N, C-alpha and C. Protein backbone atom coordinates (compact mmCIF):
# COMPACT_ATOMS: atom_id res chain seq x y z
N MET A 1 -14.22 -16.80 5.96
CA MET A 1 -13.08 -17.06 6.43
C MET A 1 -12.24 -15.51 6.42
N LEU A 2 -12.22 -15.30 7.92
CA LEU A 2 -11.43 -14.11 7.65
C LEU A 2 -9.86 -14.52 8.04
N LYS A 3 -8.87 -13.80 6.93
CA LYS A 3 -7.68 -13.19 6.80
C LYS A 3 -6.92 -12.21 6.49
N PHE A 4 -6.22 -12.43 7.97
CA PHE A 4 -5.32 -11.17 7.59
C PHE A 4 -3.71 -11.85 8.41
N ASP A 5 -2.70 -10.58 7.43
CA ASP A 5 -1.67 -10.52 8.25
C ASP A 5 -1.26 -10.34 9.47
N ILE A 6 -0.36 -10.85 9.75
CA ILE A 6 0.07 -11.31 11.40
C ILE A 6 1.54 -10.44 11.22
N LYS A 7 2.13 -9.85 12.46
CA LYS A 7 3.29 -9.20 12.67
C LYS A 7 4.77 -10.59 12.51
N THR A 8 5.33 -9.92 11.71
CA THR A 8 6.11 -11.27 11.53
C THR A 8 7.95 -10.92 11.31
N TRP A 9 8.72 -11.32 11.33
CA TRP A 9 9.99 -10.87 11.80
C TRP A 9 10.44 -12.06 10.95
N SER A 10 11.68 -11.64 9.81
CA SER A 10 12.62 -12.45 9.67
C SER A 10 14.09 -12.35 8.99
N CYS A 11 14.74 -13.32 8.19
CA CYS A 11 15.65 -13.03 8.40
C CYS A 11 16.18 -12.79 7.27
N ALA A 12 16.90 -11.76 6.89
CA ALA A 12 17.27 -11.14 5.07
C ALA A 12 18.39 -12.52 4.36
N GLU A 13 19.29 -13.17 5.33
CA GLU A 13 19.84 -14.27 5.36
C GLU A 13 19.80 -15.31 4.97
N CYS A 14 18.73 -15.87 5.40
CA CYS A 14 18.02 -17.08 5.21
C CYS A 14 16.90 -17.39 4.73
N GLY A 15 16.23 -16.51 4.96
CA GLY A 15 14.74 -16.24 4.94
C GLY A 15 14.18 -17.11 6.09
N TYR A 16 14.45 -17.16 6.95
CA TYR A 16 13.40 -17.97 8.09
C TYR A 16 12.43 -16.73 8.45
N ARG A 17 11.46 -17.32 9.30
CA ARG A 17 10.20 -16.27 9.12
C ARG A 17 9.59 -16.62 10.70
N GLN A 18 9.95 -15.74 11.51
CA GLN A 18 8.25 -16.25 12.47
C GLN A 18 7.76 -15.32 13.62
N ASP A 19 6.38 -15.55 14.01
CA ASP A 19 5.66 -14.65 14.12
C ASP A 19 5.32 -14.22 15.08
N CYS A 20 6.72 -14.60 16.20
CA CYS A 20 6.87 -13.81 17.51
C CYS A 20 7.85 -13.17 17.80
N GLU A 21 7.47 -12.10 18.23
CA GLU A 21 8.61 -10.77 18.48
C GLU A 21 10.00 -11.86 19.03
N PRO A 22 11.34 -11.47 18.49
CA PRO A 22 12.45 -12.01 18.56
C PRO A 22 13.29 -11.32 20.34
N THR A 23 12.34 -11.61 21.75
CA THR A 23 12.80 -10.88 22.58
C THR A 23 13.26 -11.87 23.21
N GLN A 24 14.14 -12.04 24.15
CA GLN A 24 15.48 -12.91 24.90
C GLN A 24 14.49 -13.29 25.71
N GLU A 25 13.64 -13.05 25.70
CA GLU A 25 12.23 -14.43 26.84
C GLU A 25 11.39 -15.45 25.99
N ASN A 26 10.73 -14.92 24.14
CA ASN A 26 10.97 -15.59 23.80
C ASN A 26 12.09 -16.36 22.98
N ALA A 27 13.17 -16.12 23.13
CA ALA A 27 14.24 -16.97 22.14
C ALA A 27 14.55 -18.32 23.51
N ASP A 28 14.65 -17.60 24.51
CA ASP A 28 14.32 -18.31 25.52
C ASP A 28 13.29 -19.69 25.64
N ARG A 29 12.18 -19.24 25.66
CA ARG A 29 10.88 -20.01 26.09
C ARG A 29 10.74 -20.66 24.41
N HIS A 30 10.96 -20.54 23.28
CA HIS A 30 10.88 -21.24 22.00
C HIS A 30 12.28 -21.96 22.01
N PHE A 31 13.47 -21.95 21.99
CA PHE A 31 14.46 -21.73 21.53
C PHE A 31 15.65 -23.19 22.50
N ASN A 32 15.82 -21.57 23.73
CA ASN A 32 17.05 -21.89 24.75
C ASN A 32 16.98 -23.59 25.99
N LEU A 33 15.44 -23.34 25.86
CA LEU A 33 15.11 -24.16 27.00
C LEU A 33 14.09 -25.31 26.17
N ASP A 34 14.14 -25.16 25.69
CA ASP A 34 13.45 -26.59 24.40
C ASP A 34 14.73 -28.00 24.64
N ARG A 35 14.02 -29.16 24.97
CA ARG A 35 15.33 -30.04 25.04
C ARG A 35 14.92 -30.57 23.63
N ASN A 36 14.79 -30.68 22.64
CA ASN A 36 14.98 -30.68 21.27
C ASN A 36 15.38 -29.67 20.36
N PHE A 37 15.91 -28.26 20.54
CA PHE A 37 16.40 -27.57 20.06
C PHE A 37 17.87 -27.82 20.15
N ILE A 38 19.26 -28.07 18.99
CA ILE A 38 19.97 -27.65 19.49
C ILE A 38 21.13 -27.58 20.38
N LEU A 39 20.53 -26.02 20.68
CA LEU A 39 21.57 -25.01 20.95
C LEU A 39 20.19 -24.60 21.52
N SER A 40 21.35 -23.23 22.91
CA SER A 40 20.80 -22.79 24.17
C SER A 40 21.58 -21.95 23.90
N ASP A 41 22.04 -20.68 23.67
CA ASP A 41 22.38 -19.81 23.67
C ASP A 41 22.09 -18.84 23.08
N ILE A 42 20.96 -19.17 21.65
CA ILE A 42 20.55 -17.72 21.49
C ILE A 42 19.61 -16.50 22.14
N VAL A 43 20.71 -15.32 21.22
CA VAL A 43 19.95 -14.51 21.79
C VAL A 43 19.12 -13.74 20.85
N GLU A 44 18.48 -12.40 21.91
CA GLU A 44 17.78 -11.24 20.83
C GLU A 44 17.74 -11.35 20.31
N ASN A 45 16.39 -11.37 19.18
CA ASN A 45 16.86 -10.77 17.50
C ASN A 45 17.51 -11.73 16.66
N GLU A 46 18.37 -12.73 17.04
CA GLU A 46 19.09 -13.53 16.52
C GLU A 46 18.22 -14.58 15.24
N CYS A 47 18.95 -14.67 14.83
CA CYS A 47 18.24 -15.88 13.37
C CYS A 47 18.60 -17.17 13.97
N PRO A 48 17.50 -18.20 14.52
CA PRO A 48 18.04 -19.52 15.45
C PRO A 48 17.80 -20.02 13.65
N ALA A 49 18.03 -20.51 12.87
CA ALA A 49 17.94 -20.91 11.81
C ALA A 49 19.65 -20.54 10.97
N CYS A 50 19.78 -19.73 11.04
CA CYS A 50 21.22 -19.73 10.69
C CYS A 50 22.19 -19.85 12.23
N SER A 51 21.64 -19.88 13.28
CA SER A 51 22.48 -19.98 14.33
C SER A 51 22.31 -21.76 14.09
N LEU A 52 21.67 -22.59 13.92
CA LEU A 52 22.27 -24.22 14.17
C LEU A 52 23.06 -24.45 12.68
N LYS A 53 22.99 -23.39 11.75
CA LYS A 53 24.12 -23.59 10.70
C LYS A 53 25.51 -23.48 10.91
N GLY A 54 25.89 -22.28 12.02
CA GLY A 54 26.62 -22.21 12.24
C GLY A 54 27.54 -20.80 12.27
N VAL A 55 26.28 -19.87 11.92
CA VAL A 55 26.20 -18.76 11.26
C VAL A 55 25.85 -18.09 12.56
N ARG A 56 26.30 -17.50 13.62
CA ARG A 56 26.50 -16.91 14.93
C ARG A 56 26.13 -15.14 14.21
N GLY A 57 25.44 -14.41 14.97
CA GLY A 57 24.56 -13.08 14.46
C GLY A 57 23.57 -12.09 13.71
N ASN A 58 23.02 -13.40 12.93
CA ASN A 58 22.23 -12.56 11.97
C ASN A 58 21.18 -11.88 12.71
N VAL A 59 20.78 -11.57 11.72
CA VAL A 59 19.47 -10.51 13.11
C VAL A 59 18.02 -11.27 12.20
N LEU A 60 17.11 -11.07 13.37
CA LEU A 60 15.27 -10.98 12.53
C LEU A 60 15.19 -9.43 12.83
N VAL A 61 14.12 -8.81 11.40
CA VAL A 61 14.13 -7.84 11.37
C VAL A 61 12.56 -7.89 11.01
N ARG A 62 11.87 -6.84 11.53
CA ARG A 62 10.07 -6.86 11.33
C ARG A 62 9.98 -6.79 9.77
N GLU A 63 9.49 -7.81 9.19
CA GLU A 63 8.84 -7.83 7.74
C GLU A 63 8.26 -7.18 7.18
N THR A 64 8.49 -6.07 6.27
CA THR A 64 7.45 -5.13 5.56
C THR A 64 6.28 -5.52 4.66
N ASN A 65 7.11 -6.41 3.88
CA ASN A 65 6.50 -6.96 2.52
C ASN A 65 5.42 -7.88 3.02
N PRO A 66 4.19 -7.18 2.12
CA PRO A 66 3.30 -8.68 2.33
C PRO A 66 3.06 -9.72 2.18
N VAL A 67 3.63 -10.10 1.15
CA VAL A 67 4.02 -10.96 0.46
C VAL A 67 4.07 -12.00 1.65
N LYS A 68 5.87 -11.17 2.37
CA LYS A 68 6.40 -12.74 3.08
C LYS A 68 5.81 -12.60 4.52
N LYS A 69 4.31 -11.81 4.76
CA LYS A 69 4.22 -11.65 5.86
C LYS A 69 3.49 -12.70 6.58
N SER A 70 3.18 -13.82 7.42
CA SER A 70 2.64 -14.95 8.22
C SER A 70 1.18 -13.85 8.30
N LYS A 71 0.12 -14.88 8.03
CA LYS A 71 -1.64 -14.92 7.86
C LYS A 71 -1.96 -15.89 8.41
N MET A 72 -2.73 -15.43 9.38
CA MET A 72 -4.04 -15.63 10.48
C MET A 72 -5.64 -16.14 9.84
N ASP A 73 -5.60 -17.29 9.46
CA ASP A 73 -7.38 -17.38 9.34
C ASP A 73 -8.02 -17.57 10.32
N ILE A 74 -9.13 -16.83 10.81
CA ILE A 74 -9.82 -17.56 11.81
C ILE A 74 -11.50 -17.63 10.87
N ILE A 75 -12.12 -18.82 11.32
CA ILE A 75 -12.92 -19.19 11.17
C ILE A 75 -14.76 -17.97 12.10
N GLU A 76 -14.89 -18.83 11.36
CA GLU A 76 -16.09 -17.36 11.38
C GLU A 76 -16.76 -18.02 11.32
N SER A 77 -17.81 -19.11 10.64
CA SER A 77 -19.16 -19.50 10.30
C SER A 77 -19.31 -21.04 10.50
N GLU A 78 -20.27 -21.40 10.16
CA GLU A 78 -20.67 -22.66 10.14
C GLU A 78 -19.78 -23.54 9.07
N ALA A 79 -19.92 -22.14 8.42
CA ALA A 79 -19.75 -22.80 6.22
C ALA A 79 -18.64 -22.36 6.81
N ASP A 80 -17.81 -21.78 6.94
CA ASP A 80 -16.11 -21.82 7.37
C ASP A 80 -15.51 -23.14 7.03
N ILE A 81 -16.38 -24.01 8.46
CA ILE A 81 -15.75 -25.50 8.75
C ILE A 81 -16.50 -26.36 7.78
N GLU A 82 -17.32 -26.24 7.12
CA GLU A 82 -18.05 -27.02 6.43
C GLU A 82 -16.76 -27.26 5.00
N ALA A 83 -16.15 -25.47 4.50
CA ALA A 83 -15.25 -25.48 3.15
C ALA A 83 -14.00 -26.31 3.77
N ILE A 84 -13.64 -26.34 5.44
CA ILE A 84 -12.26 -26.99 6.07
C ILE A 84 -12.46 -28.50 5.63
N ARG A 85 -13.62 -28.96 5.34
CA ARG A 85 -14.38 -30.54 5.63
C ARG A 85 -14.44 -30.65 4.21
N GLU A 86 -14.75 -30.02 3.44
CA GLU A 86 -14.89 -30.16 1.70
C GLU A 86 -13.22 -30.16 1.46
N LYS A 87 -12.23 -29.66 1.97
CA LYS A 87 -10.99 -29.20 1.42
C LYS A 87 -10.25 -30.16 2.27
N ILE A 88 -10.76 -31.01 2.81
CA ILE A 88 -9.76 -32.86 3.24
C ILE A 88 -10.94 -33.46 2.62
N ARG A 89 -12.05 -33.86 1.84
CA ARG A 89 -12.84 -34.39 1.63
C ARG A 89 -11.91 -34.60 0.34
N SER A 90 -11.92 -33.64 -0.11
CA SER A 90 -10.81 -33.60 -1.73
C SER A 90 -9.86 -34.12 -1.91
N LYS A 91 -9.13 -34.60 -0.91
CA LYS A 91 -8.16 -34.90 -0.71
C LYS A 91 -8.06 -36.15 -1.13
N GLY A 92 -9.84 -37.02 -0.91
CA GLY A 92 -9.49 -38.11 -0.59
C GLY A 92 -9.40 -39.06 0.21
N PRO A 93 -9.52 -40.59 -0.14
CA PRO A 93 -9.05 -41.78 0.62
C PRO A 93 -7.12 -41.67 1.41
N ARG A 94 -7.34 -42.11 2.39
CA ARG A 94 -5.53 -42.47 2.79
C ARG A 94 -5.59 -43.10 3.12
N SER A 95 -4.07 -44.04 2.72
CA SER A 95 -3.68 -44.99 2.51
C SER A 95 -3.24 -45.61 3.95
N LEU A 96 -3.51 -46.35 4.30
CA LEU A 96 -4.16 -46.96 6.03
C LEU A 96 -2.16 -47.84 6.03
N VAL A 97 -1.84 -48.20 7.09
CA VAL A 97 -1.17 -49.10 7.29
C VAL A 97 -1.83 -50.10 8.39
N VAL A 98 -1.68 -50.98 7.38
CA VAL A 98 -2.84 -52.31 8.25
C VAL A 98 -1.81 -53.31 9.21
N GLY A 99 -0.67 -53.37 8.73
CA GLY A 99 0.60 -54.18 9.67
C GLY A 99 1.66 -54.08 9.08
N VAL A 100 2.89 -54.72 9.28
CA VAL A 100 4.22 -55.24 8.33
C VAL A 100 4.13 -56.98 8.01
N ARG A 101 5.08 -56.65 7.07
CA ARG A 101 5.28 -57.57 6.66
C ARG A 101 7.00 -57.87 6.68
N GLN A 102 7.29 -59.63 6.95
CA GLN A 102 8.44 -59.15 6.49
C GLN A 102 8.86 -60.57 5.15
N ARG A 103 10.32 -59.49 4.64
CA ARG A 103 10.71 -60.45 3.22
C ARG A 103 12.79 -60.51 3.64
N GLU A 104 12.48 -61.45 2.96
CA GLU A 104 14.02 -61.09 2.41
C GLU A 104 14.57 -60.26 1.40
N GLU A 105 15.37 -58.96 1.46
CA GLU A 105 15.80 -58.01 0.41
C GLU A 105 16.37 -59.22 -0.70
N THR A 106 16.30 -58.33 -2.34
CA THR A 106 16.79 -59.17 -3.24
C THR A 106 18.30 -59.25 -2.97
N ASP A 107 18.68 -59.18 -4.24
CA ASP A 107 19.78 -58.99 -4.68
C ASP A 107 20.63 -58.01 -4.95
N VAL A 108 19.79 -57.66 -6.01
CA VAL A 108 19.40 -55.87 -6.70
C VAL A 108 19.41 -54.88 -5.20
N GLU A 109 18.79 -54.74 -4.58
CA GLU A 109 18.56 -53.96 -2.76
C GLU A 109 20.10 -54.43 -2.04
N LYS A 110 20.69 -55.45 -1.98
CA LYS A 110 21.98 -55.88 -1.20
C LYS A 110 22.98 -54.86 -2.42
N ALA A 111 22.67 -55.65 -2.90
CA ALA A 111 24.03 -54.55 -3.61
C ALA A 111 24.47 -53.18 -3.78
N VAL A 112 22.86 -52.54 -4.16
CA VAL A 112 22.98 -51.20 -4.07
C VAL A 112 23.35 -50.99 -2.64
N ARG A 113 23.40 -51.70 -0.98
CA ARG A 113 23.19 -51.39 0.04
C ARG A 113 24.46 -51.86 0.35
N VAL A 114 25.07 -52.38 -0.04
CA VAL A 114 26.94 -52.37 -0.09
C VAL A 114 27.46 -51.91 -0.58
N ASP A 115 27.34 -51.42 -1.92
CA ASP A 115 27.81 -50.04 -2.55
C ASP A 115 27.31 -48.69 -1.68
N ALA A 116 26.15 -48.67 -0.98
CA ALA A 116 26.39 -47.37 -0.51
C ALA A 116 26.94 -47.69 1.51
N GLU A 117 27.08 -48.86 1.80
CA GLU A 117 28.14 -48.54 3.30
C GLU A 117 29.60 -48.92 2.88
N LEU A 118 30.21 -48.93 0.92
CA LEU A 118 31.37 -48.35 0.78
C LEU A 118 31.24 -47.55 0.29
N LYS A 119 30.40 -46.72 -0.17
CA LYS A 119 30.89 -45.83 -0.96
C LYS A 119 31.57 -44.42 -0.21
N GLY A 120 32.48 -43.81 -0.56
CA GLY A 120 33.62 -43.35 0.34
C GLY A 120 34.19 -43.42 1.28
N LYS A 121 34.43 -44.38 1.26
CA LYS A 121 35.53 -45.70 2.06
C LYS A 121 37.06 -45.22 0.99
N THR A 122 37.70 -45.23 1.43
CA THR A 122 38.97 -44.91 1.38
C THR A 122 40.12 -45.85 1.31
N LEU A 123 39.49 -47.14 0.11
CA LEU A 123 40.11 -48.29 0.62
C LEU A 123 40.79 -48.15 -1.19
N ASN A 124 41.48 -49.18 -1.94
CA ASN A 124 42.36 -48.79 -3.13
C ASN A 124 40.37 -50.68 -3.82
N VAL A 125 41.23 -50.25 -5.42
CA VAL A 125 40.07 -50.91 -5.84
C VAL A 125 40.04 -51.88 -5.33
N VAL A 126 40.68 -53.14 -5.42
CA VAL A 126 41.18 -54.39 -5.15
C VAL A 126 40.31 -54.86 -3.57
N ALA A 127 40.65 -53.37 -2.87
CA ALA A 127 40.24 -54.23 -1.21
C ALA A 127 39.19 -54.27 -1.38
N LYS A 128 38.65 -52.65 -2.14
CA LYS A 128 37.16 -52.41 -2.39
C LYS A 128 36.81 -54.07 -2.54
N GLU A 129 36.95 -54.44 -3.41
CA GLU A 129 35.71 -55.30 -4.52
C GLU A 129 36.53 -56.70 -3.20
N LYS A 130 37.38 -56.09 -2.78
CA LYS A 130 37.53 -57.74 -1.68
C LYS A 130 36.38 -57.72 -0.82
N VAL A 131 36.47 -56.37 -0.44
CA VAL A 131 35.75 -56.25 1.17
C VAL A 131 33.55 -56.28 0.22
N LYS A 132 33.85 -56.01 -1.08
CA LYS A 132 32.41 -55.43 -1.12
C LYS A 132 32.09 -57.58 -1.59
N ALA A 133 32.55 -58.45 -2.02
CA ALA A 133 32.08 -59.79 -2.47
C ALA A 133 32.31 -60.30 -0.87
N SER A 134 32.65 -60.18 0.15
CA SER A 134 32.73 -60.61 1.30
C SER A 134 31.20 -60.68 1.79
N MET A 135 30.93 -59.07 1.75
CA MET A 135 29.82 -58.72 2.27
C MET A 135 28.67 -59.12 1.38
N MET A 136 28.31 -59.33 -0.06
CA MET A 136 27.90 -59.98 -1.15
C MET A 136 27.76 -61.81 -0.57
N ALA A 137 28.55 -62.02 -0.06
CA ALA A 137 28.51 -63.77 0.73
C ALA A 137 27.80 -63.56 1.56
N LEU A 138 27.87 -61.92 2.35
CA LEU A 138 26.28 -62.68 3.63
C LEU A 138 25.53 -63.75 3.40
N PRO A 139 24.40 -63.94 4.27
CA PRO A 139 23.10 -64.02 4.57
C PRO A 139 22.54 -62.29 3.73
N ASN A 140 21.32 -62.40 3.36
CA ASN A 140 20.69 -61.07 2.76
C ASN A 140 19.74 -61.13 3.93
N LEU A 141 19.55 -59.26 4.48
CA LEU A 141 18.83 -59.12 5.29
C LEU A 141 17.53 -59.10 5.49
N THR A 142 16.68 -59.51 6.48
CA THR A 142 15.51 -59.97 6.25
C THR A 142 14.65 -57.95 6.58
N ILE A 143 14.25 -57.42 5.26
CA ILE A 143 13.49 -56.36 5.73
C ILE A 143 12.37 -56.31 5.49
N GLU A 144 11.04 -55.01 6.97
CA GLU A 144 9.87 -54.80 7.09
C GLU A 144 9.76 -54.14 6.41
N GLU A 145 8.16 -54.29 5.28
CA GLU A 145 7.66 -53.32 4.52
C GLU A 145 6.34 -52.83 5.05
N PRO A 146 5.45 -52.37 5.30
CA PRO A 146 4.68 -51.73 5.60
C PRO A 146 2.78 -52.23 5.01
N VAL A 147 2.11 -52.57 5.75
CA VAL A 147 1.17 -53.57 4.64
C VAL A 147 -0.09 -52.69 4.86
N ARG A 148 -0.09 -52.18 2.93
CA ARG A 148 -1.46 -50.53 3.07
C ARG A 148 -2.63 -50.90 3.10
N ARG A 149 -3.61 -50.68 2.89
CA ARG A 149 -4.98 -50.98 2.28
C ARG A 149 -5.63 -49.10 2.41
N GLN A 150 -6.32 -48.71 1.03
CA GLN A 150 -7.26 -48.11 1.22
C GLN A 150 -8.49 -47.42 2.13
N GLU A 151 -8.34 -46.17 2.54
CA GLU A 151 -9.32 -45.81 3.53
C GLU A 151 -10.33 -46.06 2.94
N THR A 152 -11.43 -47.52 3.64
CA THR A 152 -13.38 -46.49 3.27
C THR A 152 -13.61 -45.18 3.45
N ILE A 153 -14.68 -44.85 2.58
CA ILE A 153 -15.45 -43.33 2.72
C ILE A 153 -15.42 -43.24 3.93
N ASP A 154 -16.79 -44.57 4.92
CA ASP A 154 -16.93 -44.23 6.18
C ASP A 154 -16.02 -43.58 6.61
N GLU A 155 -14.82 -44.42 6.90
CA GLU A 155 -13.88 -43.96 7.19
C GLU A 155 -12.46 -42.73 7.56
N MET A 156 -12.92 -42.42 5.99
CA MET A 156 -12.91 -40.98 5.90
C MET A 156 -13.09 -39.93 6.32
N GLU A 157 -14.93 -40.49 6.26
CA GLU A 157 -15.50 -39.46 6.76
C GLU A 157 -15.76 -39.46 8.27
N ALA A 158 -15.37 -40.70 9.06
CA ALA A 158 -15.27 -40.65 10.33
C ALA A 158 -13.84 -40.03 10.80
N ARG A 159 -13.05 -39.92 10.48
CA ARG A 159 -11.58 -39.01 10.15
C ARG A 159 -11.66 -37.73 10.59
N ILE A 160 -12.64 -37.11 9.04
CA ILE A 160 -12.50 -35.83 8.46
C ILE A 160 -13.38 -35.21 9.71
N GLN A 161 -13.89 -36.19 10.82
CA GLN A 161 -15.17 -35.56 11.72
C GLN A 161 -14.54 -35.01 12.80
N ALA A 162 -13.51 -36.61 13.39
CA ALA A 162 -13.09 -36.35 14.50
C ALA A 162 -11.82 -34.98 14.18
N ASP A 163 -11.40 -34.94 13.50
CA ASP A 163 -10.49 -33.86 12.90
C ASP A 163 -10.83 -32.60 13.02
N THR A 164 -12.59 -32.28 12.54
CA THR A 164 -12.90 -30.89 12.32
C THR A 164 -14.21 -30.79 14.01
N ASP A 165 -14.21 -31.69 14.72
CA ASP A 165 -15.11 -31.67 16.21
C ASP A 165 -14.86 -30.44 16.84
N ASN A 166 -13.63 -30.20 17.37
CA ASN A 166 -13.09 -29.18 18.13
C ASN A 166 -12.92 -27.42 17.35
N LEU A 167 -13.92 -28.04 16.23
CA LEU A 167 -13.34 -26.84 15.24
C LEU A 167 -14.66 -25.77 15.68
N LYS A 168 -14.59 -24.42 16.04
CA LYS A 168 -16.14 -23.68 16.46
C LYS A 168 -15.70 -22.15 16.04
N PRO A 169 -16.78 -21.12 15.32
CA PRO A 169 -16.60 -19.93 14.72
C PRO A 169 -15.99 -18.87 16.18
N ALA A 170 -15.33 -18.26 15.59
CA ALA A 170 -14.90 -17.49 16.73
C ALA A 170 -15.76 -16.32 17.03
N THR A 171 -16.16 -15.87 18.69
CA THR A 171 -17.70 -14.90 18.89
C THR A 171 -16.31 -13.71 18.02
N PRO A 172 -17.12 -12.05 17.64
CA PRO A 172 -16.80 -11.05 17.30
C PRO A 172 -15.89 -10.94 18.69
N GLN A 173 -16.17 -10.84 20.04
CA GLN A 173 -14.98 -10.47 21.38
C GLN A 173 -14.12 -11.04 21.16
N GLU A 174 -13.22 -12.45 20.59
CA GLU A 174 -12.06 -13.57 19.96
C GLU A 174 -11.61 -12.32 18.77
N ILE A 175 -12.60 -12.19 18.08
CA ILE A 175 -12.01 -11.84 16.95
C ILE A 175 -10.83 -10.39 17.07
N SER A 176 -11.32 -9.11 17.45
CA SER A 176 -11.36 -8.50 18.24
C SER A 176 -10.05 -8.26 18.46
N GLU A 177 -9.83 -9.11 19.71
CA GLU A 177 -9.29 -9.94 20.41
C GLU A 177 -7.85 -10.17 19.69
N LEU A 178 -7.77 -11.20 18.76
CA LEU A 178 -7.44 -11.91 17.92
C LEU A 178 -6.35 -10.84 17.41
N ARG A 179 -7.44 -10.27 16.74
CA ARG A 179 -6.69 -8.80 15.85
C ARG A 179 -5.92 -8.16 16.39
N ALA A 180 -6.37 -7.59 17.65
CA ALA A 180 -5.42 -6.61 18.43
C ALA A 180 -4.26 -7.05 18.30
N LYS A 181 -4.05 -8.39 19.03
CA LYS A 181 -2.63 -8.62 19.70
C LYS A 181 -1.71 -9.73 18.59
N TYR A 182 -2.28 -9.92 17.47
CA TYR A 182 -1.38 -10.19 16.43
C TYR A 182 -1.45 -9.39 15.04
N GLU A 183 -2.79 -8.87 14.74
CA GLU A 183 -2.71 -8.09 13.14
C GLU A 183 -1.33 -7.12 13.27
N ASP A 184 -1.09 -7.25 11.74
CA ASP A 184 0.11 -6.47 11.43
C ASP A 184 -0.29 -5.74 10.77
N ALA A 185 -1.33 -4.30 11.05
CA ALA A 185 -1.89 -3.37 10.41
C ALA A 185 -0.69 -2.02 9.97
């Protein structure tokens, strides 16, 4: 596996890092035009993480600390792909959700839920106790819980194979192109 540092920009205020140059074009592509991103007015070099917290104007600067730079891993051989599979295997079988069961909440769960709903309410102690008593008198809620089972070894192997089927070693030309485009030498 070939590993190298890539160009990285970071915010000294919050520690946010990104591996694309903070140009206006990239700010538009990755943030301003993304319907899932709350803000739509990030400007060139502006830290999007700080902006989301309401702090505008903190800038991203080119990272010079090798420890803080983003890294790129390039698969060079079939042995690299097998190493990836082994790393996944070492985590063992997963817990699979195979269904959902319904049950009534316990009295303890109900008490915790009611306390959480009343927390922060501006009621005096007597009023709070009356509201709590009336809420506790209501029927218990129905809770849905996942039904789980452990993945079999055969299922795990099929998942690993499916997850790694599209991996292939990079050609020398692809490696050269990636290094030229992204490496921070």
